[in-house]
């Protein structure tokens, strides 16, 4: 395994839609392992392939310690409810903002062995999976958030008109 450089906001790769993975092989598994190591090294809970410069539809998520998802060619098959929470991103260092996400999703994907999996996720787990899925579509959380602010500062209250 190896640490990869994290691509940051402003790099055009983060705004492109990723291509499907056509074959799950040792090369893909090696990239996923590198992504997991990079995510953990940077104290993240998820990282998508474009964040390490790879334009493929795959991401790694660890919404809770030792609960790791390797998601290849993910598809959201169900999305319901709504929740709002503060999010950050390894590609937008030092910033956080409030984002509306589904409360519950079902996501289908291939795992690191190329086997089809279905993940039924709610609450924080749904937030993490949706955030990483957006990366595969060229969407950053900053496109959807309100109250974007430095992680060390309190968000400004919006003034009533």
C-alpha atoms as a PDB file:
ATOM      1  CA  UNK A   1       0.000   0.000   0.000  1.00  0.00           C
ATOM      2  CA  UNK A   2       1.048   3.569  -0.590  1.00  0.00           C
ATOM      3  CA  UNK A   3      -0.127   7.033   0.309  1.00  0.00           C
ATOM      4  CA  UNK A   4      -1.533   8.977  -2.627  1.00  0.00           C
ATOM      5  CA  UNK A   5      -1.669  12.736  -3.075  1.00  0.00           C
ATOM      6  CA  UNK A   6      -5.125  14.177  -2.426  1.00  0.00           C
ATOM      7  CA  UNK A   7      -6.395  16.402  -5.243  1.00  0.00           C
ATOM      8  CA  UNK A   8      -7.804  19.675  -3.895  1.00  0.00           C
ATOM      9  CA  UNK A   9     -10.531  22.070  -4.989  1.00  0.00           C
ATOM     10  CA  UNK A  10      -9.597  24.003  -8.084  1.00  0.00           C
ATOM     11  CA  UNK A  11      -8.225  20.945  -9.904  1.00  0.00           C
ATOM     12  CA  UNK A  12     -10.539  20.262 -12.893  1.00  0.00           C
ATOM     13  CA  UNK A  13     -10.444  16.490 -12.262  1.00  0.00           C
ATOM     14  CA  UNK A  14     -12.836  16.981  -9.322  1.00  0.00           C
ATOM     15  CA  UNK A  15     -15.471  18.410 -11.688  1.00  0.00           C
ATOM     16  CA  UNK A  16     -15.517  15.522 -14.170  1.00  0.00           C
ATOM     17  CA  UNK A  17     -17.845  12.546 -14.219  1.00  0.00           C
ATOM     18  CA  UNK A  18     -15.961   9.299 -13.657  1.00  0.00           C
ATOM     19  CA  UNK A  19     -15.970   6.274 -15.966  1.00  0.00           C
ATOM     20  CA  UNK A  20     -17.086   2.817 -14.889  1.00  0.00           C
ATOM     21  CA  UNK A  21     -14.596   0.212 -13.767  1.00  0.00           C
ATOM     22  CA  UNK A  22     -14.699  -2.497 -16.450  1.00  0.00           C
ATOM     23  CA  UNK A  23     -12.735  -5.178 -14.589  1.00  0.00           C
ATOM     24  CA  UNK A  24     -12.050  -5.667 -10.897  1.00  0.00           C
ATOM     25  CA  UNK A  25      -8.461  -6.928 -10.847  1.00  0.00           C
ATOM     26  CA  UNK A  26      -5.333  -6.677  -8.688  1.00  0.00           C
ATOM     27  CA  UNK A  27      -4.603  -3.185 -10.052  1.00  0.00           C
ATOM     28  CA  UNK A  28      -8.029  -1.926  -8.919  1.00  0.00           C
ATOM     29  CA  UNK A  29      -7.663  -3.651  -5.526  1.00  0.00           C
ATOM     30  CA  UNK A  30      -4.234  -2.017  -5.119  1.00  0.00           C
ATOM     31  CA  UNK A  31      -5.711   1.410  -5.835  1.00  0.00           C
ATOM     32  CA  UNK A  32      -8.525   0.771  -3.314  1.00  0.00           C
ATOM     33  CA  UNK A  33      -5.958  -0.251  -0.678  1.00  0.00           C
ATOM     34  CA  UNK A  34      -3.950   2.925  -1.374  1.00  0.00           C
ATOM     35  CA  UNK A  35      -7.140   4.977  -1.097  1.00  0.00           C
ATOM     36  CA  UNK A  36      -7.974   3.408   2.292  1.00  0.00           C
ATOM     37  CA  UNK A  37      -4.475   4.129   3.599  1.00  0.00           C
ATOM     38  CA  UNK A  38      -4.595   7.708   2.257  1.00  0.00           C
ATOM     39  CA  UNK A  39      -8.048   8.308   3.768  1.00  0.00           C
ATOM     40  CA  UNK A  40      -6.993   7.029   7.184  1.00  0.00           C
ATOM     41  CA  UNK A  41      -3.697   8.960   7.102  1.00  0.00           C
ATOM     42  CA  UNK A  42      -5.697  12.165   6.490  1.00  0.00           C
ATOM     43  CA  UNK A  43      -8.325  11.333   9.172  1.00  0.00           C
ATOM     44  CA  UNK A  44     -11.107  11.028   6.608  1.00  0.00           C
ATOM     45  CA  UNK A  45     -14.184   8.795   6.641  1.00  0.00           C
ATOM     46  CA  UNK A  46     -14.336   8.432   2.863  1.00  0.00           C
ATOM     47  CA  UNK A  47     -12.345   9.041  -0.289  1.00  0.00           C
ATOM     48  CA  UNK A  48     -13.300   8.717  -3.933  1.00  0.00           C
ATOM     49  CA  UNK A  49     -11.015   7.791  -6.838  1.00  0.00           C
ATOM     50  CA  UNK A  50     -10.995  11.289  -8.410  1.00  0.00           C
ATOM     51  CA  UNK A  51      -9.648  12.645  -5.110  1.00  0.00           C
ATOM     52  CA  UNK A  52      -6.455  10.684  -5.816  1.00  0.00           C
ATOM     53  CA  UNK A  53      -6.454  11.567  -9.523  1.00  0.00           C
ATOM     54  CA  UNK A  54      -8.184   8.450 -10.882  1.00  0.00           C
ATOM     55  CA  UNK A  55     -11.281   8.945 -13.035  1.00  0.00           C
ATOM     56  CA  UNK A  56     -13.032   5.686 -12.160  1.00  0.00           C
ATOM     57  CA  UNK A  57     -16.352   5.079 -10.407  1.00  0.00           C
ATOM     58  CA  UNK A  58     -15.112   3.777  -7.071  1.00  0.00           C
ATOM     59  CA  UNK A  59     -14.696   4.952  -3.508  1.00  0.00           C
ATOM     60  CA  UNK A  60     -13.772   3.762  -0.046  1.00  0.00           C
ATOM     61  CA  UNK A  61     -15.799   4.677   3.039  1.00  0.00           C
ATOM     62  CA  UNK A  62     -15.308   3.968   6.735  1.00  0.00           C
ATOM     63  CA  UNK A  63     -18.236   5.643   8.521  1.00  0.00           C
ATOM     64  CA  UNK A  64     -17.265   3.919  11.759  1.00  0.00           C
ATOM     65  CA  UNK A  65     -14.003   2.344  12.839  1.00  0.00           C
ATOM     66  CA  UNK A  66     -13.268  -0.940  11.051  1.00  0.00           C
ATOM     67  CA  UNK A  67     -16.524  -0.820   9.035  1.00  0.00           C
ATOM     68  CA  UNK A  68     -15.024  -0.351   5.574  1.00  0.00           C
ATOM     69  CA  UNK A  69     -16.926  -0.229   2.297  1.00  0.00           C
ATOM     70  CA  UNK A  70     -15.140  -0.701  -1.026  1.00  0.00           C
ATOM     71  CA  UNK A  71     -17.682   0.540  -3.570  1.00  0.00           C
ATOM     72  CA  UNK A  72     -17.074  -0.004  -7.289  1.00  0.00           C
ATOM     73  CA  UNK A  73     -19.580   1.317  -9.867  1.00  0.00           C
ATOM     74  CA  UNK A  74     -22.081   2.297  -7.137  1.00  0.00           C
ATOM     75  CA  UNK A  75     -25.706   3.094  -7.930  1.00  0.00           C
ATOM     76  CA  UNK A  76     -28.212   4.620  -5.506  1.00  0.00           C
ATOM     77  CA  UNK A  77     -31.400   2.576  -5.893  1.00  0.00           C
ATOM     78  CA  UNK A  78     -33.411   4.181  -3.083  1.00  0.00           C
ATOM     79  CA  UNK A  79     -33.246   7.603  -1.487  1.00  0.00           C
ATOM     80  CA  UNK A  80     -35.740   8.826   1.095  1.00  0.00           C
ATOM     81  CA  UNK A  81     -36.156  11.291   3.910  1.00  0.00           C
ATOM     82  CA  UNK A  82     -33.934  14.241   4.669  1.00  0.00           C
ATOM     83  CA  UNK A  83     -31.285  15.149   7.200  1.00  0.00           C
ATOM     84  CA  UNK A  84     -28.954  18.086   7.574  1.00  0.00           C
ATOM     85  CA  UNK A  85     -25.438  17.964   8.921  1.00  0.00           C
ATOM     86  CA  UNK A  86     -22.020  19.555   8.846  1.00  0.00           C
ATOM     87  CA  UNK A  87     -19.598  18.110   6.295  1.00  0.00           C
ATOM     88  CA  UNK A  88     -15.988  18.562   5.364  1.00  0.00           C
ATOM     89  CA  UNK A  89     -13.852  17.046   2.618  1.00  0.00           C
ATOM     90  CA  UNK A  90     -10.239  16.017   2.165  1.00  0.00           C
ATOM     91  CA  UNK A  91     -10.302  17.922  -1.144  1.00  0.00           C
ATOM     92  CA  UNK A  92     -11.521  21.118   0.546  1.00  0.00           C
ATOM     93  CA  UNK A  93      -9.131  21.245   3.503  1.00  0.00           C
ATOM     94  CA  UNK A  94      -9.946  23.362   6.533  1.00  0.00           C
ATOM     95  CA  UNK A  95     -13.546  24.123   5.516  1.00  0.00           C
ATOM     96  CA  UNK A  96     -16.948  22.789   6.632  1.00  0.00           C
ATOM     97  CA  UNK A  97     -20.545  23.543   5.710  1.00  0.00           C
ATOM     98  CA  UNK A  98     -24.111  22.372   6.277  1.00  0.00           C
ATOM     99  CA  UNK A  99     -25.508  19.961   3.680  1.00  0.00           C
ATOM    100  CA  UNK A 100     -28.947  18.381   3.186  1.00  0.00           C
ATOM    101  CA  UNK A 101     -28.749  14.663   2.395  1.00  0.00           C
ATOM    102  CA  UNK A 102     -31.169  11.732   2.342  1.00  0.00           C
ATOM    103  CA  UNK A 103     -31.874  10.110   5.730  1.00  0.00           C
ATOM    104  CA  UNK A 104     -31.895   6.653   4.157  1.00  0.00           C
ATOM    105  CA  UNK A 105     -30.379   5.207   0.992  1.00  0.00           C
ATOM    106  CA  UNK A 106     -29.847   1.842  -0.614  1.00  0.00           C
ATOM    107  CA  UNK A 107     -26.702   1.592  -2.726  1.00  0.00           C
ATOM    108  CA  UNK A 108     -25.668  -1.280  -4.962  1.00  0.00           C
ATOM    109  CA  UNK A 109     -22.066  -1.756  -6.053  1.00  0.00           C
ATOM    110  CA  UNK A 110     -19.320  -4.268  -6.629  1.00  0.00           C
ATOM    111  CA  UNK A 111     -16.982  -4.975  -3.717  1.00  0.00           C
ATOM    112  CA  UNK A 112     -13.195  -5.319  -3.948  1.00  0.00           C
ATOM    113  CA  UNK A 113     -13.634  -8.891  -5.220  1.00  0.00           C
ATOM    114  CA  UNK A 114     -16.068  -7.881  -7.954  1.00  0.00           C
ATOM    115  CA  UNK A 115     -19.081  -9.347  -6.126  1.00  0.00           C
ATOM    116  CA  UNK A 116     -22.356  -7.430  -6.109  1.00  0.00           C
ATOM    117  CA  UNK A 117     -23.265  -5.948  -2.737  1.00  0.00           C
ATOM    118  CA  UNK A 118     -26.216  -3.955  -1.445  1.00  0.00           C
ATOM    119  CA  UNK A 119     -25.783  -1.466   1.392  1.00  0.00           C
ATOM    120  CA  UNK A 120     -28.813  -0.182   3.302  1.00  0.00           C
ATOM    121  CA  UNK A 121     -27.577   2.988   5.013  1.00  0.00           C
ATOM    122  CA  UNK A 122     -29.148   5.561   7.321  1.00  0.00           C
ATOM    123  CA  UNK A 123     -28.003   8.630   9.227  1.00  0.00           C
ATOM    124  CA  UNK A 124     -24.230   9.328   9.145  1.00  0.00           C
ATOM    125  CA  UNK A 125     -23.506   6.270   7.013  1.00  0.00           C
ATOM    126  CA  UNK A 126     -25.933   7.558   4.347  1.00  0.00           C
ATOM    127  CA  UNK A 127     -24.250  10.979   4.459  1.00  0.00           C
ATOM    128  CA  UNK A 128     -20.792   9.485   3.900  1.00  0.00           C
ATOM    129  CA  UNK A 129     -21.905   7.253   1.019  1.00  0.00           C
ATOM    130  CA  UNK A 130     -23.789  10.096  -0.704  1.00  0.00           C
ATOM    131  CA  UNK A 131     -20.853  12.488  -0.272  1.00  0.00           C
ATOM    132  CA  UNK A 132     -18.451  10.018  -1.907  1.00  0.00           C
ATOM    133  CA  UNK A 133     -20.960   9.138  -4.639  1.00  0.00           C
ATOM    134  CA  UNK A 134     -21.213  12.846  -5.517  1.00  0.00           C
ATOM    135  CA  UNK A 135     -17.452  12.899  -6.167  1.00  0.00           C
ATOM    136  CA  UNK A 136     -17.992  10.327  -8.939  1.00  0.00           C
ATOM    137  CA  UNK A 137     -20.432  12.759 -10.564  1.00  0.00           C
ATOM    138  CA  UNK A 138     -18.048  15.729 -10.327  1.00  0.00           C
ATOM    139  CA  UNK A 139     -19.991  17.300  -7.449  1.00  0.00           C
ATOM    140  CA  UNK A 140     -18.382  18.724  -4.306  1.00  0.00           C
ATOM    141  CA  UNK A 141     -20.263  19.229  -1.049  1.00  0.00           C
ATOM    142  CA  UNK A 142     -19.547  22.952  -1.414  1.00  0.00           C
ATOM    143  CA  UNK A 143     -21.994  22.946  -4.355  1.00  0.00           C
ATOM    144  CA  UNK A 144     -24.804  21.956  -1.976  1.00  0.00           C
ATOM    145  CA  UNK A 145     -23.832  23.488   1.350  1.00  0.00           C
ATOM    146  CA  UNK A 146     -24.818  26.554   3.308  1.00  0.00           C
ATOM    147  CA  UNK A 147     -22.734  28.275   5.965  1.00  0.00           C
ATOM    148  CA  UNK A 148     -19.378  27.330   4.413  1.00  0.00           C
ATOM    149  CA  UNK A 149     -16.744  28.390   6.917  1.00  0.00           C
ATOM    150  CA  UNK A 150     -13.275  27.700   8.264  1.00  0.00           C
ATOM    151  CA  UNK A 151     -13.344  24.631  10.503  1.00  0.00           C
ATOM    152  CA  UNK A 152     -11.890  26.689  13.369  1.00  0.00           C
ATOM    153  CA  UNK A 153     -14.542  29.440  13.188  1.00  0.00           C
ATOM    154  CA  UNK A 154     -18.207  29.573  14.070  1.00  0.00           C
ATOM    155  CA  UNK A 155     -20.548  29.870  11.058  1.00  0.00           C
ATOM    156  CA  UNK A 156     -22.093  33.279  10.506  1.00  0.00           C
ATOM    157  CA  UNK A 157     -25.781  33.519  11.283  1.00  0.00           C
ATOM    158  CA  UNK A 158     -27.769  34.502   8.234  1.00  0.00           C
ATOM    159  CA  UNK A 159     -29.503  37.822   8.744  1.00  0.00           C
ATOM    160  CA  UNK A 160     -33.239  38.046   8.351  1.00  0.00           C
ATOM    161  CA  UNK A 161     -34.416  40.420   5.654  1.00  0.00           C
END
